[in-house]
């Protein structure tokens, strides 16, 4: 992911965390605490999910690179369907 893409992806989550911290500091009473917990919690959950997504994408890239490095395998023979053995007195149905 490019730096611009990371900024666009992580920016709103970081903004939620900062807004939560600001609400905790500047908004008095229970309202400030609730806003701080909601915004901080949401931002941190989103950031955690994004980090896990980054790890998964990097593992996918590594796997794709490894498959590209391997020599191509020979083409597999296509198996033709076979009919079950005939039972005495029964005909094959096609």
N, C-alpha and C. Protein backbone atom coordinates (compact mmCIF):
# COMPACT_ATOMS: atom_id res chain seq x y z
N UNK A 1 0.85 -1.17 0.00
CA UNK A 1 0.00 0.00 0.00
C UNK A 1 0.90 1.24 0.00
N UNK A 2 0.51 2.23 -0.75
CA UNK A 2 1.32 3.44 -0.86
C UNK A 2 1.17 4.29 0.41
N UNK A 3 2.05 5.28 0.55
CA UNK A 3 1.97 6.16 1.72
C UNK A 3 0.66 6.94 1.70
N UNK A 4 0.24 7.35 0.52
CA UNK A 4 -1.02 8.10 0.41
C UNK A 4 -2.20 7.20 0.81
N UNK A 5 -2.16 5.95 0.38
CA UNK A 5 -3.22 5.01 0.73
C UNK A 5 -3.28 4.74 2.23
N UNK A 6 -2.11 4.61 2.85
CA UNK A 6 -2.08 4.41 4.30
C UNK A 6 -2.62 5.64 5.03
N UNK A 7 -2.25 6.82 4.54
CA UNK A 7 -2.73 8.05 5.17
C UNK A 7 -4.25 8.15 5.07
N UNK A 8 -4.79 7.80 3.92
CA UNK A 8 -6.24 7.86 3.73
C UNK A 8 -6.93 6.79 4.58
N UNK A 9 -6.31 5.63 4.73
CA UNK A 9 -6.92 4.53 5.47
C UNK A 9 -6.81 4.73 6.98
N UNK A 10 -5.62 5.07 7.44
CA UNK A 10 -5.39 5.19 8.88
C UNK A 10 -5.79 6.56 9.44
N UNK A 11 -5.87 7.56 8.60
CA UNK A 11 -6.16 8.92 9.04
C UNK A 11 -7.44 9.07 9.86
N UNK A 12 -8.58 8.58 9.35
CA UNK A 12 -9.82 8.72 10.13
C UNK A 12 -9.78 7.99 11.48
N UNK A 13 -9.12 6.85 11.53
CA UNK A 13 -9.03 6.12 12.80
C UNK A 13 -8.17 6.89 13.80
N UNK A 14 -7.07 7.45 13.34
CA UNK A 14 -6.22 8.26 14.22
C UNK A 14 -6.98 9.51 14.66
N UNK A 15 -7.77 10.09 13.75
CA UNK A 15 -8.57 11.27 14.10
C UNK A 15 -9.59 10.93 15.20
N UNK A 16 -10.19 9.74 15.13
CA UNK A 16 -11.11 9.32 16.19
C UNK A 16 -10.40 9.22 17.53
N UNK A 17 -9.21 8.64 17.53
CA UNK A 17 -8.46 8.51 18.78
C UNK A 17 -8.11 9.90 19.33
N UNK A 18 -7.66 10.80 18.48
CA UNK A 18 -7.32 12.15 18.94
C UNK A 18 -8.55 12.92 19.42
N UNK A 19 -9.66 12.74 18.71
CA UNK A 19 -10.89 13.42 19.14
C UNK A 19 -11.37 12.87 20.48
N UNK A 20 -11.22 11.58 20.69
CA UNK A 20 -11.58 10.99 21.97
C UNK A 20 -10.72 11.52 23.10
N UNK A 21 -9.43 11.63 22.83
CA UNK A 21 -8.54 12.17 23.84
C UNK A 21 -8.88 13.63 24.14
N UNK A 22 -9.20 14.40 23.11
CA UNK A 22 -9.57 15.80 23.31
C UNK A 22 -10.88 15.91 24.10
N UNK A 23 -11.84 15.05 23.81
CA UNK A 23 -13.10 15.08 24.56
C UNK A 23 -12.86 14.74 26.02
N UNK A 24 -11.97 13.78 26.27
CA UNK A 24 -11.66 13.43 27.65
C UNK A 24 -11.03 14.55 28.42
N UNK A 25 -10.27 15.38 27.73
CA UNK A 25 -9.58 16.48 28.39
C UNK A 25 -10.45 17.72 28.50
N UNK A 26 -11.15 18.09 27.43
CA UNK A 26 -11.83 19.38 27.37
C UNK A 26 -13.32 19.35 27.70
N UNK A 27 -13.99 18.20 27.59
CA UNK A 27 -15.42 18.14 27.89
C UNK A 27 -15.58 17.62 29.31
N UNK A 28 -16.28 18.37 30.12
CA UNK A 28 -16.38 18.03 31.54
C UNK A 28 -17.53 17.05 31.79
N UNK A 29 -17.40 16.32 32.87
CA UNK A 29 -18.48 15.48 33.36
C UNK A 29 -18.57 14.14 32.65
N UNK A 30 -19.77 13.56 32.83
CA UNK A 30 -20.03 12.23 32.29
C UNK A 30 -20.03 12.25 30.76
N UNK A 31 -20.52 13.33 30.17
CA UNK A 31 -20.57 13.43 28.71
C UNK A 31 -19.16 13.32 28.12
N UNK A 32 -18.20 13.98 28.71
CA UNK A 32 -16.82 13.91 28.25
C UNK A 32 -16.25 12.51 28.37
N UNK A 33 -16.55 11.84 29.47
CA UNK A 33 -16.06 10.48 29.67
C UNK A 33 -16.66 9.53 28.65
N UNK A 34 -17.98 9.66 28.42
CA UNK A 34 -18.65 8.76 27.47
C UNK A 34 -18.13 9.01 26.05
N UNK A 35 -18.01 10.27 25.67
CA UNK A 35 -17.47 10.58 24.35
C UNK A 35 -16.03 10.07 24.19
N UNK A 36 -15.24 10.28 25.22
CA UNK A 36 -13.86 9.82 25.17
C UNK A 36 -13.78 8.30 25.01
N UNK A 37 -14.56 7.57 25.80
CA UNK A 37 -14.54 6.11 25.70
C UNK A 37 -15.03 5.64 24.34
N UNK A 38 -16.11 6.24 23.84
CA UNK A 38 -16.67 5.81 22.56
C UNK A 38 -15.70 6.10 21.41
N UNK A 39 -15.18 7.31 21.37
CA UNK A 39 -14.29 7.68 20.27
C UNK A 39 -12.95 6.96 20.35
N UNK A 40 -12.36 6.91 21.53
CA UNK A 40 -11.10 6.19 21.69
C UNK A 40 -11.26 4.70 21.37
N UNK A 41 -12.32 4.11 21.91
CA UNK A 41 -12.55 2.68 21.66
C UNK A 41 -12.76 2.38 20.19
N UNK A 42 -13.58 3.19 19.53
CA UNK A 42 -13.84 2.98 18.10
C UNK A 42 -12.55 3.13 17.29
N UNK A 43 -11.82 4.19 17.56
CA UNK A 43 -10.58 4.41 16.81
C UNK A 43 -9.57 3.30 17.01
N UNK A 44 -9.42 2.84 18.24
CA UNK A 44 -8.44 1.78 18.52
C UNK A 44 -8.86 0.45 17.91
N UNK A 45 -10.16 0.15 17.92
CA UNK A 45 -10.64 -1.09 17.29
C UNK A 45 -10.39 -1.04 15.79
N UNK A 46 -10.67 0.10 15.17
CA UNK A 46 -10.44 0.24 13.73
C UNK A 46 -8.96 0.12 13.41
N UNK A 47 -8.11 0.76 14.21
CA UNK A 47 -6.67 0.66 13.99
C UNK A 47 -6.17 -0.78 14.11
N UNK A 48 -6.69 -1.51 15.10
CA UNK A 48 -6.29 -2.91 15.27
C UNK A 48 -6.70 -3.73 14.06
N UNK A 49 -7.91 -3.51 13.57
CA UNK A 49 -8.36 -4.23 12.38
C UNK A 49 -7.51 -3.91 11.16
N UNK A 50 -7.13 -2.65 11.01
CA UNK A 50 -6.30 -2.27 9.88
C UNK A 50 -4.91 -2.90 9.96
N UNK A 51 -4.36 -2.99 11.16
CA UNK A 51 -3.05 -3.63 11.31
C UNK A 51 -3.14 -5.11 10.94
N UNK A 52 -4.19 -5.80 11.38
CA UNK A 52 -4.36 -7.20 11.00
C UNK A 52 -4.54 -7.35 9.50
N UNK A 53 -5.24 -6.41 8.86
CA UNK A 53 -5.41 -6.45 7.42
C UNK A 53 -4.06 -6.29 6.72
N UNK A 54 -3.22 -5.37 7.21
CA UNK A 54 -1.89 -5.18 6.63
C UNK A 54 -1.07 -6.46 6.72
N UNK A 55 -1.13 -7.13 7.87
CA UNK A 55 -0.37 -8.38 8.03
C UNK A 55 -0.88 -9.42 7.05
N UNK A 56 -2.18 -9.55 6.91
CA UNK A 56 -2.74 -10.52 5.98
C UNK A 56 -2.36 -10.21 4.54
N UNK A 57 -2.40 -8.95 4.16
CA UNK A 57 -2.03 -8.59 2.79
C UNK A 57 -0.55 -8.86 2.51
N UNK A 58 0.30 -8.61 3.51
CA UNK A 58 1.73 -8.89 3.30
C UNK A 58 1.97 -10.39 3.17
N UNK A 59 1.24 -11.20 3.92
CA UNK A 59 1.38 -12.65 3.79
C UNK A 59 0.89 -13.11 2.42
N UNK A 60 -0.19 -12.51 1.92
CA UNK A 60 -0.67 -12.85 0.58
C UNK A 60 0.36 -12.49 -0.48
N UNK A 61 0.99 -11.32 -0.35
CA UNK A 61 2.03 -10.91 -1.30
C UNK A 61 3.21 -11.88 -1.27
N UNK A 62 3.64 -12.27 -0.07
CA UNK A 62 4.75 -13.22 0.04
C UNK A 62 4.41 -14.55 -0.61
N UNK A 63 3.19 -15.04 -0.39
CA UNK A 63 2.77 -16.31 -0.96
C UNK A 63 2.73 -16.22 -2.50
N UNK A 64 2.23 -15.11 -3.03
CA UNK A 64 2.19 -14.93 -4.47
C UNK A 64 3.59 -14.87 -5.07
N UNK A 65 4.50 -14.18 -4.39
CA UNK A 65 5.88 -14.11 -4.88
C UNK A 65 6.54 -15.49 -4.85
N UNK A 66 6.27 -16.26 -3.81
CA UNK A 66 6.84 -17.60 -3.72
C UNK A 66 6.30 -18.49 -4.82
N UNK A 67 5.02 -18.41 -5.10
CA UNK A 67 4.44 -19.21 -6.18
C UNK A 67 5.00 -18.79 -7.54
N UNK A 68 5.28 -17.50 -7.72
CA UNK A 68 5.84 -17.02 -8.98
C UNK A 68 7.28 -17.50 -9.15
N UNK A 69 8.02 -17.64 -8.04
CA UNK A 69 9.41 -18.10 -8.12
C UNK A 69 9.50 -19.58 -8.45
N UNK A 70 8.54 -20.35 -8.04
CA UNK A 70 8.59 -21.80 -8.29
C UNK A 70 8.50 -22.08 -9.79
N UNK A 71 9.12 -23.17 -10.17
CA UNK A 71 9.04 -23.57 -11.57
C UNK A 71 7.62 -24.05 -11.87
N UNK A 72 7.14 -23.76 -13.06
CA UNK A 72 5.78 -24.22 -13.38
C UNK A 72 5.72 -25.74 -13.40
N UNK A 73 4.68 -26.28 -12.86
CA UNK A 73 4.53 -27.72 -12.82
C UNK A 73 4.04 -28.22 -14.17
N UNK A 74 4.36 -29.47 -14.52
CA UNK A 74 3.90 -29.98 -15.80
C UNK A 74 2.37 -30.04 -15.83
N UNK A 75 1.80 -29.92 -17.01
CA UNK A 75 0.33 -29.95 -17.08
C UNK A 75 -0.18 -31.32 -16.64
N UNK A 76 -1.27 -31.30 -15.96
CA UNK A 76 -1.84 -32.55 -15.47
C UNK A 76 -2.65 -33.22 -16.56
N UNK A 77 -2.58 -34.55 -16.54
CA UNK A 77 -3.40 -35.29 -17.50
C UNK A 77 -4.85 -35.22 -17.08
N UNK A 78 -5.67 -35.05 -18.05
CA UNK A 78 -7.10 -35.02 -17.75
C UNK A 78 -7.62 -36.44 -17.73
N UNK A 79 -8.28 -36.79 -16.66
CA UNK A 79 -8.82 -38.13 -16.52
C UNK A 79 -10.18 -38.19 -17.19
N UNK A 80 -10.37 -39.24 -17.95
CA UNK A 80 -11.67 -39.44 -18.60
C UNK A 80 -12.60 -40.17 -17.63
N UNK A 81 -13.86 -39.82 -17.64
CA UNK A 81 -14.78 -40.52 -16.75
C UNK A 81 -14.92 -41.98 -17.18
N UNK A 82 -15.01 -42.86 -16.23
CA UNK A 82 -15.16 -44.29 -16.53
C UNK A 82 -16.54 -44.75 -16.12
N UNK A 83 -17.00 -45.75 -16.79
CA UNK A 83 -18.30 -46.32 -16.46
C UNK A 83 -18.11 -47.39 -15.40
N UNK A 84 -19.08 -47.55 -14.53
CA UNK A 84 -18.95 -48.62 -13.53
C UNK A 84 -19.05 -49.97 -14.24
N UNK A 85 -18.51 -51.02 -13.63
CA UNK A 85 -18.58 -52.34 -14.29
C UNK A 85 -20.03 -52.80 -14.44
N UNK A 86 -20.24 -53.52 -15.53
CA UNK A 86 -21.59 -54.03 -15.79
C UNK A 86 -21.92 -55.16 -14.83
N UNK A 87 -23.12 -55.15 -14.40
CA UNK A 87 -23.61 -56.28 -13.62
C UNK A 87 -24.24 -57.26 -14.57
N UNK A 88 -24.25 -58.52 -14.22
CA UNK A 88 -24.79 -59.54 -15.09
C UNK A 88 -26.26 -59.24 -15.39
N UNK A 89 -26.57 -59.18 -16.64
CA UNK A 89 -27.96 -58.97 -17.05
C UNK A 89 -28.35 -57.50 -17.18
N UNK A 90 -27.46 -56.58 -16.87
CA UNK A 90 -27.76 -55.14 -16.98
C UNK A 90 -26.94 -54.54 -18.12
N UNK A 91 -27.52 -53.57 -18.79
CA UNK A 91 -26.82 -52.89 -19.85
C UNK A 91 -26.24 -51.58 -19.33
N UNK A 92 -25.20 -51.13 -20.01
CA UNK A 92 -24.66 -49.80 -19.70
C UNK A 92 -25.64 -48.76 -20.22
N UNK A 93 -25.88 -47.74 -19.42
CA UNK A 93 -26.74 -46.66 -19.86
C UNK A 93 -25.88 -45.44 -20.09
N UNK A 94 -26.10 -44.81 -21.21
CA UNK A 94 -25.33 -43.60 -21.53
C UNK A 94 -26.24 -42.45 -21.64
